């Protein structure tokens, strides 16, 4: 079964410097029918104005993944980590027992990224941080593993039985993945348009998947998407 979460039905908040669309309930947006999917709790599509950003704030007991679509994020945290994320880069921050961080668009160009929260396998874990760039060639024409429980195939390691794949598809191209029996999936179409097993999707749409073994994403317009393999 594939259930589409249309982009137009997401929560929306515009604070001037931040234009954010919430796939699931977040902050002032609350919808009891959309509290997350399996262990996936948050997918926010954020656009941040130049020289603006999220000041220092705290998190705990959450696996936080950021995926940059355009622009740059300057990251600083209480673990002493500093870094700049660019398009195609993925960041995983395990908040664990508690971490404070800031995320700022320190450039003169707009920032466009997905911020994702996944529930950890257990609370009280040690905080941690990783980031890695995945080239266009690595993601083109296939689902490239970028996050996994053991850091398989050069992916980032997450404290949950969840896997994230990224893909870039040209018009007419397909990418296919087979889900192990009993697994579920969420497909988030970051940009472009196409079909998932024949179901039409457009930019910003999400799709919850259960009781489907093989997933085929085909592009009509150039696609950038993330696929979540969830327990």
C-alpha atoms as a PDB file:
ATOM      1  CA  UNK A   1       0.000   0.000   0.000  1.00  0.00           C
ATOM      2  CA  UNK A   2       1.281   3.466  -0.913  1.00  0.00           C
ATOM      3  CA  UNK A   3      -0.307   6.514   0.743  1.00  0.00           C
ATOM      4  CA  UNK A   4       0.644   9.944  -0.567  1.00  0.00           C
ATOM      5  CA  UNK A   5       1.190  12.906   1.738  1.00  0.00           C
ATOM      6  CA  UNK A   6       0.657  15.837  -0.686  1.00  0.00           C
ATOM      7  CA  UNK A   7       3.060  18.763  -0.425  1.00  0.00           C
ATOM      8  CA  UNK A   8       0.181  21.259  -0.331  1.00  0.00           C
ATOM      9  CA  UNK A   9      -1.261  19.624   2.813  1.00  0.00           C
ATOM     10  CA  UNK A  10       1.908  19.981   4.894  1.00  0.00           C
ATOM     11  CA  UNK A  11       2.145  22.399   7.781  1.00  0.00           C
ATOM     12  CA  UNK A  12       3.652  25.762   6.851  1.00  0.00           C
ATOM     13  CA  UNK A  13       5.405  28.473   8.832  1.00  0.00           C
ATOM     14  CA  UNK A  14       6.964  31.616   7.377  1.00  0.00           C
ATOM     15  CA  UNK A  15       8.987  33.790   9.744  1.00  0.00           C
ATOM     16  CA  UNK A  16      10.505  35.943   7.045  1.00  0.00           C
ATOM     17  CA  UNK A  17      14.041  34.634   7.399  1.00  0.00           C
ATOM     18  CA  UNK A  18      12.722  31.043   7.540  1.00  0.00           C
ATOM     19  CA  UNK A  19      10.147  29.467   5.228  1.00  0.00           C
ATOM     20  CA  UNK A  20       9.421  25.942   6.472  1.00  0.00           C
ATOM     21  CA  UNK A  21       7.087  23.131   5.394  1.00  0.00           C
ATOM     22  CA  UNK A  22       6.385  20.368   7.904  1.00  0.00           C
ATOM     23  CA  UNK A  23       5.514  16.880   6.655  1.00  0.00           C
ATOM     24  CA  UNK A  24       4.663  15.869  10.233  1.00  0.00           C
ATOM     25  CA  UNK A  25       3.495  17.760  13.318  1.00  0.00           C
ATOM     26  CA  UNK A  26       6.178  20.187  14.452  1.00  0.00           C
ATOM     27  CA  UNK A  27       6.353  23.288  16.675  1.00  0.00           C
ATOM     28  CA  UNK A  28       3.057  25.214  16.297  1.00  0.00           C
ATOM     29  CA  UNK A  29       1.778  22.860  13.602  1.00  0.00           C
ATOM     30  CA  UNK A  30      -0.165  19.961  15.088  1.00  0.00           C
ATOM     31  CA  UNK A  31      -2.119  17.301  13.217  1.00  0.00           C
ATOM     32  CA  UNK A  32      -2.888  14.110  15.177  1.00  0.00           C
ATOM     33  CA  UNK A  33      -3.129  12.223  11.877  1.00  0.00           C
ATOM     34  CA  UNK A  34       0.432  13.164  10.946  1.00  0.00           C
ATOM     35  CA  UNK A  35       2.674  12.662  13.960  1.00  0.00           C
ATOM     36  CA  UNK A  36       5.359  10.762  12.043  1.00  0.00           C
ATOM     37  CA  UNK A  37       5.740   7.425  10.309  1.00  0.00           C
ATOM     38  CA  UNK A  38       7.248   4.454  12.171  1.00  0.00           C
ATOM     39  CA  UNK A  39      10.495   5.800  13.754  1.00  0.00           C
ATOM     40  CA  UNK A  40      10.544   8.787  11.389  1.00  0.00           C
ATOM     41  CA  UNK A  41       9.364  11.774  13.418  1.00  0.00           C
ATOM     42  CA  UNK A  42      10.196  14.952  11.445  1.00  0.00           C
ATOM     43  CA  UNK A  43      10.792  15.979   7.844  1.00  0.00           C
ATOM     44  CA  UNK A  44      11.036  19.749   7.520  1.00  0.00           C
ATOM     45  CA  UNK A  45      11.799  21.398   4.201  1.00  0.00           C
ATOM     46  CA  UNK A  46      13.504  24.628   5.225  1.00  0.00           C
ATOM     47  CA  UNK A  47      14.523  27.675   3.214  1.00  0.00           C
ATOM     48  CA  UNK A  48      16.730  30.080   5.144  1.00  0.00           C
ATOM     49  CA  UNK A  49      17.531  33.634   4.032  1.00  0.00           C
ATOM     50  CA  UNK A  50      21.180  34.701   3.595  1.00  0.00           C
ATOM     51  CA  UNK A  51      23.050  35.530   6.822  1.00  0.00           C
ATOM     52  CA  UNK A  52      20.238  34.089   8.933  1.00  0.00           C
ATOM     53  CA  UNK A  53      19.742  30.838  10.811  1.00  0.00           C
ATOM     54  CA  UNK A  54      18.953  28.867  13.937  1.00  0.00           C
ATOM     55  CA  UNK A  55      20.820  30.242  16.952  1.00  0.00           C
ATOM     56  CA  UNK A  56      22.269  27.984  19.625  1.00  0.00           C
ATOM     57  CA  UNK A  57      19.606  25.631  20.981  1.00  0.00           C
ATOM     58  CA  UNK A  58      19.439  22.213  22.587  1.00  0.00           C
ATOM     59  CA  UNK A  59      18.280  18.695  21.651  1.00  0.00           C
ATOM     60  CA  UNK A  60      18.304  15.341  23.387  1.00  0.00           C
ATOM     61  CA  UNK A  61      17.390  11.723  22.580  1.00  0.00           C
ATOM     62  CA  UNK A  62      16.942  12.226  18.848  1.00  0.00           C
ATOM     63  CA  UNK A  63      18.862  11.255  15.695  1.00  0.00           C
ATOM     64  CA  UNK A  64      18.960  14.397  13.533  1.00  0.00           C
ATOM     65  CA  UNK A  65      19.862  14.190   9.852  1.00  0.00           C
ATOM     66  CA  UNK A  66      20.329  17.185   7.547  1.00  0.00           C
ATOM     67  CA  UNK A  67      20.456  16.926   3.740  1.00  0.00           C
ATOM     68  CA  UNK A  68      21.441  20.036   1.777  1.00  0.00           C
ATOM     69  CA  UNK A  69      19.630  20.761  -1.493  1.00  0.00           C
ATOM     70  CA  UNK A  70      21.090  24.220  -2.145  1.00  0.00           C
ATOM     71  CA  UNK A  71      23.293  26.748  -0.369  1.00  0.00           C
ATOM     72  CA  UNK A  72      25.398  26.038   2.710  1.00  0.00           C
ATOM     73  CA  UNK A  73      24.868  25.320   6.424  1.00  0.00           C
ATOM     74  CA  UNK A  74      27.480  26.387   8.957  1.00  0.00           C
ATOM     75  CA  UNK A  75      27.244  24.034  11.952  1.00  0.00           C
ATOM     76  CA  UNK A  76      28.686  24.501  15.453  1.00  0.00           C
ATOM     77  CA  UNK A  77      27.908  22.408  18.539  1.00  0.00           C
ATOM     78  CA  UNK A  78      28.755  21.874  22.195  1.00  0.00           C
ATOM     79  CA  UNK A  79      30.859  18.805  21.318  1.00  0.00           C
ATOM     80  CA  UNK A  80      33.364  21.146  19.690  1.00  0.00           C
ATOM     81  CA  UNK A  81      32.320  20.182  16.164  1.00  0.00           C
ATOM     82  CA  UNK A  82      32.364  22.799  13.422  1.00  0.00           C
ATOM     83  CA  UNK A  83      31.577  22.211   9.791  1.00  0.00           C
ATOM     84  CA  UNK A  84      30.025  23.550   6.604  1.00  0.00           C
ATOM     85  CA  UNK A  85      27.540  21.397   4.673  1.00  0.00           C
ATOM     86  CA  UNK A  86      27.048  21.902   0.941  1.00  0.00           C
ATOM     87  CA  UNK A  87      24.653  20.341  -1.616  1.00  0.00           C
ATOM     88  CA  UNK A  88      24.819  16.554  -1.570  1.00  0.00           C
ATOM     89  CA  UNK A  89      26.283  16.503   1.931  1.00  0.00           C
ATOM     90  CA  UNK A  90      24.586  14.618   4.739  1.00  0.00           C
ATOM     91  CA  UNK A  91      24.963  15.308   8.448  1.00  0.00           C
ATOM     92  CA  UNK A  92      23.992  13.022  11.326  1.00  0.00           C
ATOM     93  CA  UNK A  93      23.915  14.400  14.849  1.00  0.00           C
ATOM     94  CA  UNK A  94      22.982  12.065  17.701  1.00  0.00           C
ATOM     95  CA  UNK A  95      21.607  14.316  20.427  1.00  0.00           C
ATOM     96  CA  UNK A  96      21.657  11.555  23.042  1.00  0.00           C
ATOM     97  CA  UNK A  97      22.065  12.830  26.610  1.00  0.00           C
ATOM     98  CA  UNK A  98      22.058  16.395  25.317  1.00  0.00           C
ATOM     99  CA  UNK A  99      23.801  18.648  22.815  1.00  0.00           C
ATOM    100  CA  UNK A 100      23.542  22.319  21.897  1.00  0.00           C
ATOM    101  CA  UNK A 101      24.155  23.509  18.368  1.00  0.00           C
ATOM    102  CA  UNK A 102      23.567  26.276  15.848  1.00  0.00           C
ATOM    103  CA  UNK A 103      22.789  26.073  12.122  1.00  0.00           C
ATOM    104  CA  UNK A 104      23.398  29.252  10.156  1.00  0.00           C
ATOM    105  CA  UNK A 105      23.298  30.264   6.525  1.00  0.00           C
ATOM    106  CA  UNK A 106      26.573  32.187   6.593  1.00  0.00           C
ATOM    107  CA  UNK A 107      26.538  32.842   2.829  1.00  0.00           C
ATOM    108  CA  UNK A 108      24.915  35.469   0.633  1.00  0.00           C
ATOM    109  CA  UNK A 109      22.790  32.862  -1.165  1.00  0.00           C
ATOM    110  CA  UNK A 110      19.554  31.207   0.041  1.00  0.00           C
ATOM    111  CA  UNK A 111      19.812  27.901   1.898  1.00  0.00           C
ATOM    112  CA  UNK A 112      17.467  25.003   1.062  1.00  0.00           C
ATOM    113  CA  UNK A 113      17.663  21.786   3.064  1.00  0.00           C
ATOM    114  CA  UNK A 114      15.746  18.916   4.626  1.00  0.00           C
ATOM    115  CA  UNK A 115      15.944  18.456   8.375  1.00  0.00           C
ATOM    116  CA  UNK A 116      14.988  14.966   9.528  1.00  0.00           C
ATOM    117  CA  UNK A 117      14.445  13.564  13.009  1.00  0.00           C
ATOM    118  CA  UNK A 118      14.445   9.832  13.705  1.00  0.00           C
ATOM    119  CA  UNK A 119      13.705   8.315  17.099  1.00  0.00           C
ATOM    120  CA  UNK A 120      16.811   6.580  18.547  1.00  0.00           C
ATOM    121  CA  UNK A 121      16.924   2.897  19.446  1.00  0.00           C
ATOM    122  CA  UNK A 122      17.118   3.935  23.107  1.00  0.00           C
ATOM    123  CA  UNK A 123      17.456   7.083  25.175  1.00  0.00           C
ATOM    124  CA  UNK A 124      20.534   8.244  27.046  1.00  0.00           C
ATOM    125  CA  UNK A 125      23.096   7.499  24.328  1.00  0.00           C
ATOM    126  CA  UNK A 126      26.314   9.489  24.037  1.00  0.00           C
ATOM    127  CA  UNK A 127      26.057  12.469  21.654  1.00  0.00           C
ATOM    128  CA  UNK A 128      27.858  12.139  18.331  1.00  0.00           C
ATOM    129  CA  UNK A 129      28.336  13.788  14.948  1.00  0.00           C
ATOM    130  CA  UNK A 130      29.235  12.806  11.375  1.00  0.00           C
ATOM    131  CA  UNK A 131      29.037  14.464   7.992  1.00  0.00           C
ATOM    132  CA  UNK A 132      29.898  13.244   4.521  1.00  0.00           C
ATOM    133  CA  UNK A 133      29.589  14.335   0.915  1.00  0.00           C
ATOM    134  CA  UNK A 134      28.009  11.996  -1.631  1.00  0.00           C
ATOM    135  CA  UNK A 135      28.831  12.954  -5.217  1.00  0.00           C
ATOM    136  CA  UNK A 136      26.269  13.287  -7.988  1.00  0.00           C
ATOM    137  CA  UNK A 137      27.801  10.240  -9.658  1.00  0.00           C
ATOM    138  CA  UNK A 138      27.237   8.164  -6.507  1.00  0.00           C
ATOM    139  CA  UNK A 139      23.556   9.129  -6.347  1.00  0.00           C
ATOM    140  CA  UNK A 140      22.693   9.236 -10.061  1.00  0.00           C
ATOM    141  CA  UNK A 141      20.403   6.582 -11.476  1.00  0.00           C
ATOM    142  CA  UNK A 142      20.177   4.507  -8.305  1.00  0.00           C
ATOM    143  CA  UNK A 143      19.321   4.571  -4.607  1.00  0.00           C
ATOM    144  CA  UNK A 144      22.613   5.284  -2.825  1.00  0.00           C
ATOM    145  CA  UNK A 145      22.780   4.294   0.877  1.00  0.00           C
ATOM    146  CA  UNK A 146      23.754   7.402   2.876  1.00  0.00           C
ATOM    147  CA  UNK A 147      22.698   6.456   6.444  1.00  0.00           C
ATOM    148  CA  UNK A 148      22.518   3.006   8.089  1.00  0.00           C
ATOM    149  CA  UNK A 149      22.783   1.324  11.521  1.00  0.00           C
ATOM    150  CA  UNK A 150      26.334   0.035  10.916  1.00  0.00           C
ATOM    151  CA  UNK A 151      27.628   2.627   8.491  1.00  0.00           C
ATOM    152  CA  UNK A 152      27.555   0.137   5.607  1.00  0.00           C
ATOM    153  CA  UNK A 153      28.990   1.040   2.192  1.00  0.00           C
ATOM    154  CA  UNK A 154      30.538   4.264   3.468  1.00  0.00           C
ATOM    155  CA  UNK A 155      27.263   5.608   4.866  1.00  0.00           C
ATOM    156  CA  UNK A 156      26.827   7.573   8.073  1.00  0.00           C
ATOM    157  CA  UNK A 157      25.963   5.536  11.166  1.00  0.00           C
ATOM    158  CA  UNK A 158      22.652   6.052  12.977  1.00  0.00           C
ATOM    159  CA  UNK A 159      21.435   4.729  16.320  1.00  0.00           C
ATOM    160  CA  UNK A 160      18.288   3.110  14.935  1.00  0.00           C
ATOM    161  CA  UNK A 161      17.307   0.258  12.639  1.00  0.00           C
ATOM    162  CA  UNK A 162      16.729   2.672   9.765  1.00  0.00           C
ATOM    163  CA  UNK A 163      18.385   3.305   6.419  1.00  0.00           C
ATOM    164  CA  UNK A 164      18.285   6.380   4.210  1.00  0.00           C
ATOM    165  CA  UNK A 165      18.955   6.274   0.472  1.00  0.00           C
ATOM    166  CA  UNK A 166      19.444   9.282  -1.827  1.00  0.00           C
ATOM    167  CA  UNK A 167      18.855   9.380  -5.573  1.00  0.00           C
ATOM    168  CA  UNK A 168      19.140  11.720  -8.545  1.00  0.00           C
ATOM    169  CA  UNK A 169      17.198  10.740 -11.666  1.00  0.00           C
ATOM    170  CA  UNK A 170      17.037  12.246 -15.131  1.00  0.00           C
ATOM    171  CA  UNK A 171      13.731  12.243 -17.043  1.00  0.00           C
ATOM    172  CA  UNK A 172      12.871   8.665 -17.959  1.00  0.00           C
ATOM    173  CA  UNK A 173      15.370   7.130 -15.537  1.00  0.00           C
ATOM    174  CA  UNK A 174      14.344   4.601 -12.894  1.00  0.00           C
ATOM    175  CA  UNK A 175      15.751   3.567  -9.517  1.00  0.00           C
ATOM    176  CA  UNK A 176      14.619   0.399  -7.764  1.00  0.00           C
ATOM    177  CA  UNK A 177      14.961  -0.965  -4.253  1.00  0.00           C
ATOM    178  CA  UNK A 178      13.721  -4.161  -2.616  1.00  0.00           C
ATOM    179  CA  UNK A 179      12.499  -3.966   0.957  1.00  0.00           C
ATOM    180  CA  UNK A 180      13.088  -6.898   3.332  1.00  0.00           C
ATOM    181  CA  UNK A 181       9.887  -8.645   4.415  1.00  0.00           C
ATOM    182  CA  UNK A 182       8.025  -6.755   7.127  1.00  0.00           C
ATOM    183  CA  UNK A 183       9.801  -3.448   6.475  1.00  0.00           C
ATOM    184  CA  UNK A 184       8.155  -0.127   5.700  1.00  0.00           C
ATOM    185  CA  UNK A 185       9.346   2.875   3.691  1.00  0.00           C
ATOM    186  CA  UNK A 186       8.859   6.592   3.279  1.00  0.00           C
ATOM    187  CA  UNK A 187       9.764   8.323   0.011  1.00  0.00           C
ATOM    188  CA  UNK A 188      10.298  12.096   0.154  1.00  0.00           C
ATOM    189  CA  UNK A 189      10.441  13.805  -3.236  1.00  0.00           C
ATOM    190  CA  UNK A 190      12.639  16.855  -2.705  1.00  0.00           C
ATOM    191  CA  UNK A 191      12.290  18.118  -6.277  1.00  0.00           C
ATOM    192  CA  UNK A 192      11.009  17.095  -9.673  1.00  0.00           C
ATOM    193  CA  UNK A 193       8.107  14.807 -10.539  1.00  0.00           C
ATOM    194  CA  UNK A 194       7.560  11.169 -11.367  1.00  0.00           C
ATOM    195  CA  UNK A 195       5.912   7.978 -10.226  1.00  0.00           C
ATOM    196  CA  UNK A 196       6.472   5.506  -7.394  1.00  0.00           C
ATOM    197  CA  UNK A 197       5.133   2.114  -8.527  1.00  0.00           C
ATOM    198  CA  UNK A 198       2.866   4.069 -10.864  1.00  0.00           C
ATOM    199  CA  UNK A 199       1.651   6.528  -8.188  1.00  0.00           C
ATOM    200  CA  UNK A 200       2.119  10.158  -9.251  1.00  0.00           C
ATOM    201  CA  UNK A 201       4.376  12.325  -7.078  1.00  0.00           C
ATOM    202  CA  UNK A 202       5.461  15.950  -7.298  1.00  0.00           C
ATOM    203  CA  UNK A 203       8.056  18.049  -5.476  1.00  0.00           C
ATOM    204  CA  UNK A 204       7.400  18.132  -1.730  1.00  0.00           C
ATOM    205  CA  UNK A 205       5.168  15.064  -1.739  1.00  0.00           C
ATOM    206  CA  UNK A 206       5.849  12.173   0.600  1.00  0.00           C
ATOM    207  CA  UNK A 207       4.678   8.588   0.315  1.00  0.00           C
ATOM    208  CA  UNK A 208       4.184   6.056   3.106  1.00  0.00           C
ATOM    209  CA  UNK A 209       4.795   2.484   1.975  1.00  0.00           C
ATOM    210  CA  UNK A 210       3.737  -0.755   3.685  1.00  0.00           C
ATOM    211  CA  UNK A 211       3.329  -4.329   2.411  1.00  0.00           C
ATOM    212  CA  UNK A 212       5.230  -3.612  -0.803  1.00  0.00           C
ATOM    213  CA  UNK A 213       8.353  -5.607  -1.653  1.00  0.00           C
ATOM    214  CA  UNK A 214       9.839  -3.734  -4.618  1.00  0.00           C
ATOM    215  CA  UNK A 215       9.752   0.027  -5.133  1.00  0.00           C
ATOM    216  CA  UNK A 216      10.436   1.661  -8.490  1.00  0.00           C
ATOM    217  CA  UNK A 217      10.817   5.431  -8.731  1.00  0.00           C
ATOM    218  CA  UNK A 218      10.679   6.816 -12.273  1.00  0.00           C
ATOM    219  CA  UNK A 219      11.352  10.434 -13.190  1.00  0.00           C
ATOM    220  CA  UNK A 220       9.228  12.615 -15.462  1.00  0.00           C
ATOM    221  CA  UNK A 221      11.159  15.759 -14.529  1.00  0.00           C
ATOM    222  CA  UNK A 222      14.649  15.645 -12.936  1.00  0.00           C
ATOM    223  CA  UNK A 223      14.244  14.124  -9.466  1.00  0.00           C
ATOM    224  CA  UNK A 224      16.090  14.419  -6.178  1.00  0.00           C
ATOM    225  CA  UNK A 225      14.632  12.181  -3.481  1.00  0.00           C
ATOM    226  CA  UNK A 226      15.290  10.409  -0.202  1.00  0.00           C
ATOM    227  CA  UNK A 227      14.006   6.941   0.617  1.00  0.00           C
ATOM    228  CA  UNK A 228      13.701   5.754   4.236  1.00  0.00           C
ATOM    229  CA  UNK A 229      13.758   2.006   4.978  1.00  0.00           C
ATOM    230  CA  UNK A 230      12.095   1.630   8.387  1.00  0.00           C
ATOM    231  CA  UNK A 231      11.238  -1.212  10.764  1.00  0.00           C
END
